[in-house]
């Protein structure tokens, strides 16, 4: 139900949440069987069980801790969209 970063939903997770939202609004769910519990996965071996954790630590936790130690964020290299302050006419342009 979750993406590899363990924070965001996977495609299946999004479909189930969207189906719940549609059902709550009185609309037909987008996914058949969304209320049915997921079938349990077979029990993994010990090595199979730790592999996702190892991958998550390597791909997500270690870089996060490294950035924190250096006082950086994941977006330190981004420049502002509008670096100079400019007047605002009070109109929000949603055409983009």
Foldseek 3Di string as FASTA:
>chain_A
DPDLLRPHRDPLRVLLVQQVVCVVVVHHRPDPPSPPDDDDDPDDDPVVVCVSVVVNCVPPVVVCVVCVVVVHDPCPPDDDPDPDDDDDPPDDDPPD
